[in-house]
Amino acid sequence: MSEKNEKRLKAIKTIYGEEAYHKGEKITYGTTVYVAWWILGYNTIEELEAKYTDEQILEMHDERLRSQGIKIS
C-alpha cells in the first residue's frame, strides 16, 4: 500500500464506527472532509479489522464514496 493510502486509511479509521456515525464526526485529510461511516454488524474499527485487511477496509470506504458519485483520486 502506498504511503498516501496508508495515511488516508489512518484518517478514515479514526471516524469509523456506530458511535462516530451517530455523533456525525468528521476529519479533514488534505482538502477532503471525510464523514463518519460504519457497516452494520461491525460497530467498532477493531471488529472490522478482525475480519478485513487494511486494503479491504480502504476499498470498502472508497466503494461507498464511488456509489455516491464521489471520484477517488
N, C-alpha and C. Protein backbone atom coordinates (compact mmCIF):
# COMPACT_ATOMS: atom_id res chain seq x y z
N MET A 1 0.86 -1.16 0.00
CA MET A 1 0.00 0.00 0.00
C MET A 1 0.91 1.23 0.00
N SER A 2 0.54 2.21 -0.79
CA SER A 2 1.34 3.43 -0.89
C SER A 2 1.27 4.23 0.41
N GLU A 3 2.24 5.09 0.62
CA GLU A 3 2.26 5.93 1.82
C GLU A 3 1.03 6.83 1.87
N LYS A 4 0.63 7.33 0.70
CA LYS A 4 -0.57 8.19 0.62
C LYS A 4 -1.80 7.43 1.09
N ASN A 5 -1.96 6.19 0.62
CA ASN A 5 -3.12 5.39 1.02
C ASN A 5 -3.05 4.99 2.49
N GLU A 6 -1.84 4.76 3.01
CA GLU A 6 -1.70 4.43 4.43
C GLU A 6 -2.16 5.59 5.30
N LYS A 7 -1.80 6.81 4.92
CA LYS A 7 -2.21 7.99 5.67
C LYS A 7 -3.72 8.21 5.57
N ARG A 8 -4.25 7.99 4.38
CA ARG A 8 -5.70 8.14 4.18
C ARG A 8 -6.46 7.09 4.98
N LEU A 9 -5.94 5.86 4.99
CA LEU A 9 -6.56 4.78 5.76
C LEU A 9 -6.58 5.13 7.24
N LYS A 10 -5.48 5.65 7.74
CA LYS A 10 -5.41 6.04 9.15
C LYS A 10 -6.48 7.08 9.46
N ALA A 11 -6.67 8.03 8.56
CA ALA A 11 -7.68 9.08 8.77
C ALA A 11 -9.09 8.49 8.78
N ILE A 12 -9.40 7.63 7.82
CA ILE A 12 -10.77 7.11 7.76
C ILE A 12 -11.06 6.13 8.89
N LYS A 13 -10.01 5.48 9.43
CA LYS A 13 -10.23 4.59 10.57
C LYS A 13 -10.61 5.38 11.82
N THR A 14 -10.14 6.62 11.93
CA THR A 14 -10.43 7.40 13.14
C THR A 14 -11.90 7.81 13.21
N ILE A 15 -12.61 7.76 12.10
CA ILE A 15 -14.02 8.16 12.10
C ILE A 15 -14.94 6.99 11.78
N TYR A 16 -14.46 5.77 12.04
CA TYR A 16 -15.29 4.59 11.79
C TYR A 16 -16.03 4.19 13.06
N GLY A 17 -17.23 3.71 12.89
CA GLY A 17 -17.96 3.07 13.97
C GLY A 17 -19.32 3.68 14.23
N GLU A 18 -20.14 2.89 14.90
CA GLU A 18 -21.51 3.31 15.18
C GLU A 18 -21.54 4.60 16.00
N GLU A 19 -20.70 4.69 17.03
CA GLU A 19 -20.69 5.88 17.88
C GLU A 19 -20.28 7.12 17.09
N ALA A 20 -19.20 7.01 16.31
CA ALA A 20 -18.74 8.15 15.49
C ALA A 20 -19.81 8.55 14.48
N TYR A 21 -20.47 7.56 13.91
CA TYR A 21 -21.52 7.82 12.92
C TYR A 21 -22.67 8.61 13.53
N HIS A 22 -23.12 8.18 14.69
CA HIS A 22 -24.25 8.86 15.33
C HIS A 22 -23.87 10.25 15.85
N LYS A 23 -22.60 10.45 16.15
CA LYS A 23 -22.14 11.78 16.59
C LYS A 23 -21.90 12.71 15.41
N GLY A 24 -21.85 12.14 14.19
CA GLY A 24 -21.61 12.95 13.00
C GLY A 24 -20.18 13.45 12.91
N GLU A 25 -19.23 12.65 13.38
CA GLU A 25 -17.84 13.07 13.38
C GLU A 25 -17.29 13.23 11.97
N LYS A 26 -16.31 14.12 11.83
CA LYS A 26 -15.68 14.41 10.54
C LYS A 26 -14.18 14.55 10.76
N ILE A 27 -13.42 14.32 9.70
CA ILE A 27 -11.98 14.55 9.73
C ILE A 27 -11.57 15.12 8.38
N THR A 28 -10.64 16.05 8.40
CA THR A 28 -10.12 16.62 7.16
C THR A 28 -8.79 15.97 6.85
N TYR A 29 -8.68 15.48 5.63
CA TYR A 29 -7.44 14.89 5.14
C TYR A 29 -7.11 15.62 3.85
N GLY A 30 -6.06 16.44 3.89
CA GLY A 30 -5.74 17.26 2.73
C GLY A 30 -6.87 18.25 2.51
N THR A 31 -7.45 18.20 1.32
CA THR A 31 -8.58 19.09 1.01
C THR A 31 -9.92 18.36 1.08
N THR A 32 -9.89 17.13 1.55
CA THR A 32 -11.10 16.31 1.62
C THR A 32 -11.60 16.20 3.05
N VAL A 33 -12.89 16.33 3.23
CA VAL A 33 -13.50 16.12 4.54
C VAL A 33 -14.23 14.78 4.49
N TYR A 34 -13.80 13.87 5.34
CA TYR A 34 -14.46 12.57 5.44
C TYR A 34 -15.43 12.60 6.61
N VAL A 35 -16.61 12.03 6.41
CA VAL A 35 -17.59 11.94 7.49
C VAL A 35 -17.59 10.51 8.03
N ALA A 36 -18.04 10.39 9.27
CA ALA A 36 -18.06 9.08 9.93
C ALA A 36 -18.83 8.06 9.10
N TRP A 37 -18.37 6.82 9.16
CA TRP A 37 -19.01 5.74 8.43
C TRP A 37 -18.99 4.49 9.29
N TRP A 38 -19.91 3.57 8.96
CA TRP A 38 -19.98 2.33 9.72
C TRP A 38 -20.76 1.31 8.92
N ILE A 39 -20.37 0.06 9.07
CA ILE A 39 -21.02 -1.06 8.39
C ILE A 39 -21.76 -1.86 9.46
N LEU A 40 -23.05 -2.07 9.25
CA LEU A 40 -23.84 -2.84 10.21
C LEU A 40 -23.17 -4.17 10.51
N GLY A 41 -23.14 -4.52 11.77
CA GLY A 41 -22.52 -5.78 12.19
C GLY A 41 -21.09 -5.60 12.66
N TYR A 42 -20.49 -4.47 12.35
CA TYR A 42 -19.12 -4.17 12.77
C TYR A 42 -19.15 -2.78 13.41
N ASN A 43 -19.46 -2.74 14.70
CA ASN A 43 -19.71 -1.47 15.36
C ASN A 43 -18.46 -0.68 15.71
N THR A 44 -17.31 -1.35 15.74
CA THR A 44 -16.05 -0.67 16.05
C THR A 44 -15.02 -1.00 14.99
N ILE A 45 -13.98 -0.18 14.92
CA ILE A 45 -12.92 -0.44 13.94
C ILE A 45 -12.21 -1.75 14.28
N GLU A 46 -12.12 -2.09 15.56
CA GLU A 46 -11.48 -3.35 15.95
C GLU A 46 -12.24 -4.55 15.39
N GLU A 47 -13.56 -4.49 15.42
CA GLU A 47 -14.38 -5.57 14.86
C GLU A 47 -14.18 -5.68 13.35
N LEU A 48 -14.09 -4.54 12.68
CA LEU A 48 -13.88 -4.54 11.23
C LEU A 48 -12.49 -5.06 10.88
N GLU A 49 -11.48 -4.63 11.66
CA GLU A 49 -10.10 -5.07 11.40
C GLU A 49 -9.92 -6.56 11.66
N ALA A 50 -10.72 -7.14 12.55
CA ALA A 50 -10.62 -8.57 12.83
C ALA A 50 -11.05 -9.41 11.63
N LYS A 51 -11.89 -8.86 10.79
CA LYS A 51 -12.45 -9.60 9.65
C LYS A 51 -11.79 -9.24 8.32
N TYR A 52 -11.36 -7.97 8.16
CA TYR A 52 -10.87 -7.49 6.87
C TYR A 52 -9.46 -6.92 6.97
N THR A 53 -8.73 -6.99 5.86
CA THR A 53 -7.40 -6.40 5.79
C THR A 53 -7.52 -4.90 5.60
N ASP A 54 -6.40 -4.20 5.81
CA ASP A 54 -6.40 -2.75 5.60
C ASP A 54 -6.79 -2.40 4.18
N GLU A 55 -6.31 -3.17 3.22
CA GLU A 55 -6.63 -2.91 1.82
C GLU A 55 -8.13 -3.07 1.57
N GLN A 56 -8.73 -4.09 2.16
CA GLN A 56 -10.17 -4.30 2.00
C GLN A 56 -10.97 -3.17 2.66
N ILE A 57 -10.52 -2.72 3.82
CA ILE A 57 -11.21 -1.63 4.51
C ILE A 57 -11.16 -0.37 3.67
N LEU A 58 -10.00 -0.07 3.12
CA LEU A 58 -9.86 1.12 2.27
C LEU A 58 -10.74 0.99 1.03
N GLU A 59 -10.79 -0.18 0.43
CA GLU A 59 -11.62 -0.39 -0.76
C GLU A 59 -13.11 -0.26 -0.43
N MET A 60 -13.53 -0.77 0.73
CA MET A 60 -14.94 -0.64 1.13
C MET A 60 -15.30 0.83 1.30
N HIS A 61 -14.41 1.60 1.92
CA HIS A 61 -14.67 3.02 2.12
C HIS A 61 -14.73 3.73 0.76
N ASP A 62 -13.78 3.42 -0.12
CA ASP A 62 -13.76 4.05 -1.43
C ASP A 62 -15.00 3.68 -2.25
N GLU A 63 -15.42 2.44 -2.16
CA GLU A 63 -16.62 2.00 -2.89
C GLU A 63 -17.85 2.74 -2.39
N ARG A 64 -17.91 2.98 -1.10
CA ARG A 64 -19.02 3.76 -0.53
C ARG A 64 -19.05 5.15 -1.14
N LEU A 65 -17.89 5.77 -1.29
CA LEU A 65 -17.83 7.10 -1.90
C LEU A 65 -18.20 7.05 -3.37
N ARG A 66 -17.68 6.06 -4.10
CA ARG A 66 -17.99 5.93 -5.53
C ARG A 66 -19.49 5.75 -5.75
N SER A 67 -20.14 5.00 -4.86
CA SER A 67 -21.58 4.77 -5.02
C SER A 67 -22.38 6.05 -4.83
N GLN A 68 -21.76 7.04 -4.20
CA GLN A 68 -22.40 8.35 -4.02
C GLN A 68 -21.98 9.33 -5.10
N GLY A 69 -21.22 8.83 -6.08
CA GLY A 69 -20.80 9.68 -7.19
C GLY A 69 -19.58 10.53 -6.90
N ILE A 70 -18.81 10.16 -5.87
CA ILE A 70 -17.61 10.91 -5.50
C ILE A 70 -16.40 10.24 -6.13
N LYS A 71 -15.61 11.00 -6.86
CA LYS A 71 -14.44 10.47 -7.54
C LYS A 71 -13.28 10.31 -6.56
N ILE A 72 -12.62 9.16 -6.61
CA ILE A 72 -11.45 8.88 -5.78
C ILE A 72 -10.22 9.09 -6.64
N SER A 73 -9.32 9.95 -6.18
CA SER A 73 -8.10 10.20 -6.98
C SER A 73 -6.92 9.46 -6.43
